[in-house]
């Protein structure tokens, strides 16, 4: 995909974001054919928005299959979070584990091992807000969703929990509540079993940003699956052994 097409796709997604007018799809000629093109559209969106990138969401089990999306600084909040329901109308929610980098990660760190990852990150519980700039989340092709920041609408993070290797997160118990109702009660519900796997795949991926500054937060996928809140709800994720992270969706 050439630069003008990347710019057009990014401009359309920025307009949809700013005007709250979702797209049915990206026009032919601006639709990413692979994740590298989707990532280029992401980068152009960040530039057009003038945003910082303090966090990323990641998925994938290997460097070759890794996918990621920048989470704009304006949508990253410390616990407890607050997102007006009209700003994120899909109201998707996922309880996740994130990893905060203790030091800079550079291009030279693409050979990082799991043991080295453990030593260089701190566990941070999070709730991801899922939203879309398309009319239908379900009907939008995966690569177009990827260009749209992998359907990220925001992130709420808790206080650091523990160093990377000090918790077995493959059996982590999480209860997720919305509007006072328990909507998910899971033990070890992460799709990759261990959230370090997609985190390391992202760091090892050949196309990921060359420089990830100390303090960058990497949120590594849902334990609860994609669930939904309603306008006015308070959402609470209770992480066994840690405590809770919460957010509200004022109507």
C-alpha atoms as a PDB file:
ATOM      1  CA  UNK A   1       0.000   0.000   0.000  1.00  0.00           C
ATOM      2  CA  UNK A   2       1.370   3.404  -1.021  1.00  0.00           C
ATOM      3  CA  UNK A   3       1.588   6.388   1.308  1.00  0.00           C
ATOM      4  CA  UNK A   4      -1.480   8.214  -0.142  1.00  0.00           C
ATOM      5  CA  UNK A   5      -3.698   5.182   0.493  1.00  0.00           C
ATOM      6  CA  UNK A   6      -2.341   4.811   4.023  1.00  0.00           C
ATOM      7  CA  UNK A   7      -3.053   8.477   4.661  1.00  0.00           C
ATOM      8  CA  UNK A   8      -6.578   8.215   3.233  1.00  0.00           C
ATOM      9  CA  UNK A   9      -7.435   5.207   5.421  1.00  0.00           C
ATOM     10  CA  UNK A  10      -6.039   6.903   8.508  1.00  0.00           C
ATOM     11  CA  UNK A  11      -7.860  10.157   7.731  1.00  0.00           C
ATOM     12  CA  UNK A  12     -11.179   8.335   7.402  1.00  0.00           C
ATOM     13  CA  UNK A  13     -10.683   6.558  10.721  1.00  0.00           C
ATOM     14  CA  UNK A  14      -9.679   9.811  12.430  1.00  0.00           C
ATOM     15  CA  UNK A  15     -12.777  11.536  11.039  1.00  0.00           C
ATOM     16  CA  UNK A  16     -14.976   8.680  12.220  1.00  0.00           C
ATOM     17  CA  UNK A  17     -13.408   8.962  15.670  1.00  0.00           C
ATOM     18  CA  UNK A  18     -13.756  12.749  15.932  1.00  0.00           C
ATOM     19  CA  UNK A  19     -17.246  13.049  14.445  1.00  0.00           C
ATOM     20  CA  UNK A  20     -18.695   9.858  15.935  1.00  0.00           C
ATOM     21  CA  UNK A  21     -19.746   8.749  12.454  1.00  0.00           C
ATOM     22  CA  UNK A  22     -18.694   5.114  12.075  1.00  0.00           C
ATOM     23  CA  UNK A  23     -17.618   3.678   8.737  1.00  0.00           C
ATOM     24  CA  UNK A  24     -19.226   0.713   7.032  1.00  0.00           C
ATOM     25  CA  UNK A  25     -15.767  -0.247   5.782  1.00  0.00           C
ATOM     26  CA  UNK A  26     -12.601   1.281   4.387  1.00  0.00           C
ATOM     27  CA  UNK A  27     -12.894   1.996   0.652  1.00  0.00           C
ATOM     28  CA  UNK A  28     -11.262  -0.333  -1.891  1.00  0.00           C
ATOM     29  CA  UNK A  29      -7.628   0.613  -2.336  1.00  0.00           C
ATOM     30  CA  UNK A  30      -7.272   1.643   1.318  1.00  0.00           C
ATOM     31  CA  UNK A  31      -8.017  -1.735   2.893  1.00  0.00           C
ATOM     32  CA  UNK A  32      -4.906  -3.337   4.443  1.00  0.00           C
ATOM     33  CA  UNK A  33      -3.853  -6.594   2.816  1.00  0.00           C
ATOM     34  CA  UNK A  34      -1.643  -7.687   5.708  1.00  0.00           C
ATOM     35  CA  UNK A  35      -0.807  -6.632   9.248  1.00  0.00           C
ATOM     36  CA  UNK A  36       2.189  -4.534   8.152  1.00  0.00           C
ATOM     37  CA  UNK A  37      -0.193  -2.317   6.162  1.00  0.00           C
ATOM     38  CA  UNK A  38      -2.610  -2.152   9.091  1.00  0.00           C
ATOM     39  CA  UNK A  39       0.263  -1.088  11.360  1.00  0.00           C
ATOM     40  CA  UNK A  40       1.252   1.639   8.902  1.00  0.00           C
ATOM     41  CA  UNK A  41      -2.315   2.983   9.058  1.00  0.00           C
ATOM     42  CA  UNK A  42      -2.130   2.879  12.865  1.00  0.00           C
ATOM     43  CA  UNK A  43       1.051   4.950  12.822  1.00  0.00           C
ATOM     44  CA  UNK A  44      -0.525   7.530  10.531  1.00  0.00           C
ATOM     45  CA  UNK A  45      -3.575   7.780  12.809  1.00  0.00           C
ATOM     46  CA  UNK A  46      -1.298   8.470  15.780  1.00  0.00           C
ATOM     47  CA  UNK A  47       0.445  11.189  13.779  1.00  0.00           C
ATOM     48  CA  UNK A  48      -2.811  12.805  12.651  1.00  0.00           C
ATOM     49  CA  UNK A  49      -4.213  12.753  16.188  1.00  0.00           C
ATOM     50  CA  UNK A  50      -0.998  14.196  17.647  1.00  0.00           C
ATOM     51  CA  UNK A  51      -1.109  11.500  20.318  1.00  0.00           C
ATOM     52  CA  UNK A  52       1.490   9.962  22.583  1.00  0.00           C
ATOM     53  CA  UNK A  53       1.658   6.162  22.860  1.00  0.00           C
ATOM     54  CA  UNK A  54       2.189   5.096  26.488  1.00  0.00           C
ATOM     55  CA  UNK A  55       0.637   1.656  25.961  1.00  0.00           C
ATOM     56  CA  UNK A  56       0.052  -1.119  23.439  1.00  0.00           C
ATOM     57  CA  UNK A  57      -2.398  -3.989  23.179  1.00  0.00           C
ATOM     58  CA  UNK A  58      -0.943  -7.189  21.752  1.00  0.00           C
ATOM     59  CA  UNK A  59      -2.022 -10.590  20.460  1.00  0.00           C
ATOM     60  CA  UNK A  60      -0.393 -13.594  18.812  1.00  0.00           C
ATOM     61  CA  UNK A  61       1.685 -16.540  19.945  1.00  0.00           C
ATOM     62  CA  UNK A  62       4.841 -16.061  17.859  1.00  0.00           C
ATOM     63  CA  UNK A  63       6.820 -13.143  16.445  1.00  0.00           C
ATOM     64  CA  UNK A  64       5.545 -14.038  12.962  1.00  0.00           C
ATOM     65  CA  UNK A  65       1.879 -13.914  14.033  1.00  0.00           C
ATOM     66  CA  UNK A  66       2.125 -11.041  16.533  1.00  0.00           C
ATOM     67  CA  UNK A  67      -0.294  -8.153  16.178  1.00  0.00           C
ATOM     68  CA  UNK A  68      -0.352  -4.954  18.179  1.00  0.00           C
ATOM     69  CA  UNK A  69      -2.008  -1.589  18.408  1.00  0.00           C
ATOM     70  CA  UNK A  70      -1.004   1.709  20.010  1.00  0.00           C
ATOM     71  CA  UNK A  71      -3.263   2.917  22.808  1.00  0.00           C
ATOM     72  CA  UNK A  72      -3.388   6.747  22.688  1.00  0.00           C
ATOM     73  CA  UNK A  73      -2.325   8.586  25.806  1.00  0.00           C
ATOM     74  CA  UNK A  74      -5.622  10.467  25.990  1.00  0.00           C
ATOM     75  CA  UNK A  75      -7.460   7.163  26.546  1.00  0.00           C
ATOM     76  CA  UNK A  76      -5.136   5.628  29.174  1.00  0.00           C
ATOM     77  CA  UNK A  77      -6.363   6.180  32.751  1.00  0.00           C
ATOM     78  CA  UNK A  78      -5.240   5.189  36.219  1.00  0.00           C
ATOM     79  CA  UNK A  79      -7.669   3.205  38.365  1.00  0.00           C
ATOM     80  CA  UNK A  80     -10.529   4.083  38.759  1.00  0.00           C
ATOM     81  CA  UNK A  81     -11.324   5.085  35.183  1.00  0.00           C
ATOM     82  CA  UNK A  82     -14.156   7.066  33.661  1.00  0.00           C
ATOM     83  CA  UNK A  83     -15.323   6.957  30.028  1.00  0.00           C
ATOM     84  CA  UNK A  84     -18.540   8.721  28.988  1.00  0.00           C
ATOM     85  CA  UNK A  85     -20.724   6.070  27.368  1.00  0.00           C
ATOM     86  CA  UNK A  86     -21.251   8.283  24.315  1.00  0.00           C
ATOM     87  CA  UNK A  87     -17.479   8.286  23.648  1.00  0.00           C
ATOM     88  CA  UNK A  88     -17.216   4.471  23.538  1.00  0.00           C
ATOM     89  CA  UNK A  89     -20.701   3.324  22.490  1.00  0.00           C
ATOM     90  CA  UNK A  90     -19.802  -0.324  21.938  1.00  0.00           C
ATOM     91  CA  UNK A  91     -19.091  -0.480  25.718  1.00  0.00           C
ATOM     92  CA  UNK A  92     -16.951  -3.575  25.344  1.00  0.00           C
ATOM     93  CA  UNK A  93     -14.943  -4.618  28.411  1.00  0.00           C
ATOM     94  CA  UNK A  94     -12.167  -7.145  28.990  1.00  0.00           C
ATOM     95  CA  UNK A  95     -10.194  -7.858  32.159  1.00  0.00           C
ATOM     96  CA  UNK A  96      -6.534  -8.272  31.255  1.00  0.00           C
ATOM     97  CA  UNK A  97      -3.011  -8.496  32.596  1.00  0.00           C
ATOM     98  CA  UNK A  98      -0.494  -5.922  31.432  1.00  0.00           C
ATOM     99  CA  UNK A  99       3.258  -5.595  31.760  1.00  0.00           C
ATOM    100  CA  UNK A 100       5.036  -2.314  32.433  1.00  0.00           C
ATOM    101  CA  UNK A 101       8.594  -2.065  31.119  1.00  0.00           C
ATOM    102  CA  UNK A 102      11.219  -1.307  33.763  1.00  0.00           C
ATOM    103  CA  UNK A 103      13.672   0.008  31.173  1.00  0.00           C
ATOM    104  CA  UNK A 104      13.865   0.895  27.497  1.00  0.00           C
ATOM    105  CA  UNK A 105      13.357  -1.924  25.002  1.00  0.00           C
ATOM    106  CA  UNK A 106      15.181  -1.327  21.731  1.00  0.00           C
ATOM    107  CA  UNK A 107      15.626  -3.009  18.364  1.00  0.00           C
ATOM    108  CA  UNK A 108      18.526  -4.954  19.882  1.00  0.00           C
ATOM    109  CA  UNK A 109      16.109  -6.620  22.324  1.00  0.00           C
ATOM    110  CA  UNK A 110      14.254  -8.651  19.701  1.00  0.00           C
ATOM    111  CA  UNK A 111      16.186 -11.689  20.909  1.00  0.00           C
ATOM    112  CA  UNK A 112      14.778 -11.321  24.432  1.00  0.00           C
ATOM    113  CA  UNK A 113      14.078 -14.582  26.270  1.00  0.00           C
ATOM    114  CA  UNK A 114      11.187 -15.291  28.621  1.00  0.00           C
ATOM    115  CA  UNK A 115      13.549 -15.141  31.608  1.00  0.00           C
ATOM    116  CA  UNK A 116      14.805 -11.735  30.467  1.00  0.00           C
ATOM    117  CA  UNK A 117      11.214 -10.543  30.006  1.00  0.00           C
ATOM    118  CA  UNK A 118      10.388 -11.626  33.565  1.00  0.00           C
ATOM    119  CA  UNK A 119      13.281  -9.573  34.887  1.00  0.00           C
ATOM    120  CA  UNK A 120      12.360  -6.438  32.949  1.00  0.00           C
ATOM    121  CA  UNK A 121       8.626  -6.067  33.547  1.00  0.00           C
ATOM    122  CA  UNK A 122       6.156  -5.478  36.356  1.00  0.00           C
ATOM    123  CA  UNK A 123       2.679  -7.041  36.320  1.00  0.00           C
ATOM    124  CA  UNK A 124      -0.155  -4.500  36.096  1.00  0.00           C
ATOM    125  CA  UNK A 125      -3.860  -5.514  36.148  1.00  0.00           C
ATOM    126  CA  UNK A 126      -5.986  -3.683  33.567  1.00  0.00           C
ATOM    127  CA  UNK A 127      -9.432  -3.329  32.069  1.00  0.00           C
ATOM    128  CA  UNK A 128      -9.492  -2.705  28.336  1.00  0.00           C
ATOM    129  CA  UNK A 129     -12.387  -0.732  26.892  1.00  0.00           C
ATOM    130  CA  UNK A 130     -13.270  -2.107  23.454  1.00  0.00           C
ATOM    131  CA  UNK A 131     -14.800   0.212  20.869  1.00  0.00           C
ATOM    132  CA  UNK A 132     -14.898   0.521  17.088  1.00  0.00           C
ATOM    133  CA  UNK A 133     -14.884   3.208  14.433  1.00  0.00           C
ATOM    134  CA  UNK A 134     -16.936   0.910  12.195  1.00  0.00           C
ATOM    135  CA  UNK A 135     -20.698   0.390  12.062  1.00  0.00           C
ATOM    136  CA  UNK A 136     -20.404  -3.281  12.998  1.00  0.00           C
ATOM    137  CA  UNK A 137     -17.605  -4.705  15.128  1.00  0.00           C
ATOM    138  CA  UNK A 138     -18.480  -8.300  14.212  1.00  0.00           C
ATOM    139  CA  UNK A 139     -18.804  -7.685  10.460  1.00  0.00           C
ATOM    140  CA  UNK A 140     -15.567  -5.715  10.077  1.00  0.00           C
ATOM    141  CA  UNK A 141     -12.652  -7.755   8.652  1.00  0.00           C
ATOM    142  CA  UNK A 142      -9.860  -8.465  11.110  1.00  0.00           C
ATOM    143  CA  UNK A 143      -7.231  -6.410   9.283  1.00  0.00           C
ATOM    144  CA  UNK A 144      -9.502  -3.358   9.153  1.00  0.00           C
ATOM    145  CA  UNK A 145     -10.128  -3.782  12.880  1.00  0.00           C
ATOM    146  CA  UNK A 146      -6.357  -3.991  13.304  1.00  0.00           C
ATOM    147  CA  UNK A 147      -5.896  -0.689  11.479  1.00  0.00           C
ATOM    148  CA  UNK A 148      -8.504   0.765  13.861  1.00  0.00           C
ATOM    149  CA  UNK A 149      -6.159   0.224  16.838  1.00  0.00           C
ATOM    150  CA  UNK A 150      -7.445  -3.368  17.132  1.00  0.00           C
ATOM    151  CA  UNK A 151     -10.770  -1.904  18.296  1.00  0.00           C
ATOM    152  CA  UNK A 152      -9.267  -0.339  21.392  1.00  0.00           C
ATOM    153  CA  UNK A 153     -11.307   2.358  23.078  1.00  0.00           C
ATOM    154  CA  UNK A 154      -9.195   2.909  26.166  1.00  0.00           C
ATOM    155  CA  UNK A 155      -7.347   1.302  29.057  1.00  0.00           C
ATOM    156  CA  UNK A 156      -7.586   1.527  32.844  1.00  0.00           C
ATOM    157  CA  UNK A 157      -4.593   0.297  34.815  1.00  0.00           C
ATOM    158  CA  UNK A 158      -4.085  -0.525  38.475  1.00  0.00           C
ATOM    159  CA  UNK A 159      -1.078  -0.184  40.727  1.00  0.00           C
ATOM    160  CA  UNK A 160       1.895  -2.439  39.909  1.00  0.00           C
ATOM    161  CA  UNK A 161       1.354  -5.882  41.333  1.00  0.00           C
ATOM    162  CA  UNK A 162       4.562  -7.901  41.222  1.00  0.00           C
ATOM    163  CA  UNK A 163       7.691  -8.573  39.191  1.00  0.00           C
ATOM    164  CA  UNK A 164       7.199 -10.573  36.029  1.00  0.00           C
ATOM    165  CA  UNK A 165       8.188 -14.007  37.283  1.00  0.00           C
ATOM    166  CA  UNK A 166       6.655 -13.861  40.768  1.00  0.00           C
ATOM    167  CA  UNK A 167       3.084 -14.896  39.878  1.00  0.00           C
ATOM    168  CA  UNK A 168       1.697 -17.919  38.031  1.00  0.00           C
ATOM    169  CA  UNK A 169      -0.907 -16.193  35.889  1.00  0.00           C
ATOM    170  CA  UNK A 170      -1.977 -19.340  34.029  1.00  0.00           C
ATOM    171  CA  UNK A 171      -4.464 -20.035  36.856  1.00  0.00           C
ATOM    172  CA  UNK A 172      -5.394 -16.468  37.722  1.00  0.00           C
ATOM    173  CA  UNK A 173      -8.946 -16.117  39.060  1.00  0.00           C
ATOM    174  CA  UNK A 174     -10.900 -13.045  37.952  1.00  0.00           C
ATOM    175  CA  UNK A 175     -14.455 -11.927  38.659  1.00  0.00           C
ATOM    176  CA  UNK A 176     -15.892  -9.234  36.400  1.00  0.00           C
ATOM    177  CA  UNK A 177     -18.932  -7.188  37.390  1.00  0.00           C
ATOM    178  CA  UNK A 178     -20.995  -4.672  35.401  1.00  0.00           C
ATOM    179  CA  UNK A 179     -23.868  -2.684  36.874  1.00  0.00           C
ATOM    180  CA  UNK A 180     -23.624  -4.683  40.094  1.00  0.00           C
ATOM    181  CA  UNK A 181     -24.011  -8.050  38.360  1.00  0.00           C
ATOM    182  CA  UNK A 182     -21.370 -10.757  38.093  1.00  0.00           C
ATOM    183  CA  UNK A 183     -20.905 -11.297  34.340  1.00  0.00           C
ATOM    184  CA  UNK A 184     -17.773 -13.464  34.353  1.00  0.00           C
ATOM    185  CA  UNK A 185     -16.138 -15.736  36.926  1.00  0.00           C
ATOM    186  CA  UNK A 186     -13.086 -17.391  35.440  1.00  0.00           C
ATOM    187  CA  UNK A 187      -9.903 -19.183  36.446  1.00  0.00           C
ATOM    188  CA  UNK A 188      -7.041 -19.168  33.945  1.00  0.00           C
ATOM    189  CA  UNK A 189      -9.176 -17.863  31.112  1.00  0.00           C
ATOM    190  CA  UNK A 190      -6.440 -16.360  28.941  1.00  0.00           C
ATOM    191  CA  UNK A 191      -6.524 -17.630  25.340  1.00  0.00           C
ATOM    192  CA  UNK A 192      -2.739 -18.150  25.310  1.00  0.00           C
ATOM    193  CA  UNK A 193      -2.857 -19.548  28.880  1.00  0.00           C
ATOM    194  CA  UNK A 194       0.121 -17.340  29.830  1.00  0.00           C
ATOM    195  CA  UNK A 195      -0.088 -13.607  29.001  1.00  0.00           C
ATOM    196  CA  UNK A 196       3.697 -13.440  28.784  1.00  0.00           C
ATOM    197  CA  UNK A 197       3.512 -15.397  25.506  1.00  0.00           C
ATOM    198  CA  UNK A 198       1.875 -12.632  23.403  1.00  0.00           C
ATOM    199  CA  UNK A 199       3.933 -10.016  25.248  1.00  0.00           C
ATOM    200  CA  UNK A 200       7.195 -11.693  24.291  1.00  0.00           C
ATOM    201  CA  UNK A 201       5.953 -12.357  20.751  1.00  0.00           C
ATOM    202  CA  UNK A 202       5.372  -8.603  20.374  1.00  0.00           C
ATOM    203  CA  UNK A 203       8.823  -7.721  21.688  1.00  0.00           C
ATOM    204  CA  UNK A 204      10.456 -10.261  19.378  1.00  0.00           C
ATOM    205  CA  UNK A 205       8.375  -9.287  16.319  1.00  0.00           C
ATOM    206  CA  UNK A 206      10.507  -7.879  13.492  1.00  0.00           C
ATOM    207  CA  UNK A 207       8.057  -5.090  12.656  1.00  0.00           C
ATOM    208  CA  UNK A 208       7.280  -3.748  16.118  1.00  0.00           C
ATOM    209  CA  UNK A 209       8.396  -0.209  17.059  1.00  0.00           C
ATOM    210  CA  UNK A 210      12.159  -0.125  17.476  1.00  0.00           C
ATOM    211  CA  UNK A 211      12.018   1.858  20.716  1.00  0.00           C
ATOM    212  CA  UNK A 212       9.652   1.102  23.580  1.00  0.00           C
ATOM    213  CA  UNK A 213      10.467   3.539  26.408  1.00  0.00           C
ATOM    214  CA  UNK A 214      10.681   2.537  30.066  1.00  0.00           C
ATOM    215  CA  UNK A 215       7.217   2.778  31.564  1.00  0.00           C
ATOM    216  CA  UNK A 216       5.428   1.552  28.427  1.00  0.00           C
ATOM    217  CA  UNK A 217       2.463  -0.637  29.363  1.00  0.00           C
ATOM    218  CA  UNK A 218       1.742  -3.727  27.249  1.00  0.00           C
ATOM    219  CA  UNK A 219      -1.677  -5.280  27.820  1.00  0.00           C
ATOM    220  CA  UNK A 220      -1.661  -8.871  26.713  1.00  0.00           C
ATOM    221  CA  UNK A 221      -5.175 -10.081  25.989  1.00  0.00           C
ATOM    222  CA  UNK A 222      -8.406 -10.946  27.730  1.00  0.00           C
ATOM    223  CA  UNK A 223      -9.046 -13.437  30.510  1.00  0.00           C
ATOM    224  CA  UNK A 224     -12.802 -12.868  30.342  1.00  0.00           C
ATOM    225  CA  UNK A 225     -13.550 -12.630  26.636  1.00  0.00           C
ATOM    226  CA  UNK A 226     -15.330  -9.632  25.185  1.00  0.00           C
ATOM    227  CA  UNK A 227     -18.303  -8.670  27.341  1.00  0.00           C
ATOM    228  CA  UNK A 228     -20.495  -5.594  27.367  1.00  0.00           C
ATOM    229  CA  UNK A 229     -21.602  -2.955  29.830  1.00  0.00           C
ATOM    230  CA  UNK A 230     -24.512  -0.521  29.634  1.00  0.00           C
ATOM    231  CA  UNK A 231     -24.565   3.280  29.869  1.00  0.00           C
ATOM    232  CA  UNK A 232     -24.341   4.285  33.509  1.00  0.00           C
ATOM    233  CA  UNK A 233     -22.659   1.041  34.621  1.00  0.00           C
ATOM    234  CA  UNK A 234     -19.734   0.747  36.975  1.00  0.00           C
ATOM    235  CA  UNK A 235     -17.425  -2.096  35.917  1.00  0.00           C
ATOM    236  CA  UNK A 236     -15.248  -3.864  38.484  1.00  0.00           C
ATOM    237  CA  UNK A 237     -12.608  -6.504  37.789  1.00  0.00           C
ATOM    238  CA  UNK A 238     -11.446  -8.397  40.885  1.00  0.00           C
ATOM    239  CA  UNK A 239      -8.082 -10.094  40.432  1.00  0.00           C
ATOM    240  CA  UNK A 240      -7.375 -12.836  43.001  1.00  0.00           C
ATOM    241  CA  UNK A 241      -4.350 -11.950  45.109  1.00  0.00           C
ATOM    242  CA  UNK A 242      -4.364  -8.341  43.986  1.00  0.00           C
ATOM    243  CA  UNK A 243      -7.591  -6.460  44.449  1.00  0.00           C
ATOM    244  CA  UNK A 244      -9.706  -4.624  41.930  1.00  0.00           C
ATOM    245  CA  UNK A 245      -9.642  -2.265  38.975  1.00  0.00           C
ATOM    246  CA  UNK A 246     -12.778  -0.334  38.089  1.00  0.00           C
ATOM    247  CA  UNK A 247     -14.283   2.175  35.696  1.00  0.00           C
ATOM    248  CA  UNK A 248     -17.583   3.917  35.133  1.00  0.00           C
ATOM    249  CA  UNK A 249     -19.498   4.669  31.941  1.00  0.00           C
ATOM    250  CA  UNK A 250     -21.527   7.819  32.757  1.00  0.00           C
ATOM    251  CA  UNK A 251     -24.602   8.008  30.543  1.00  0.00           C
END
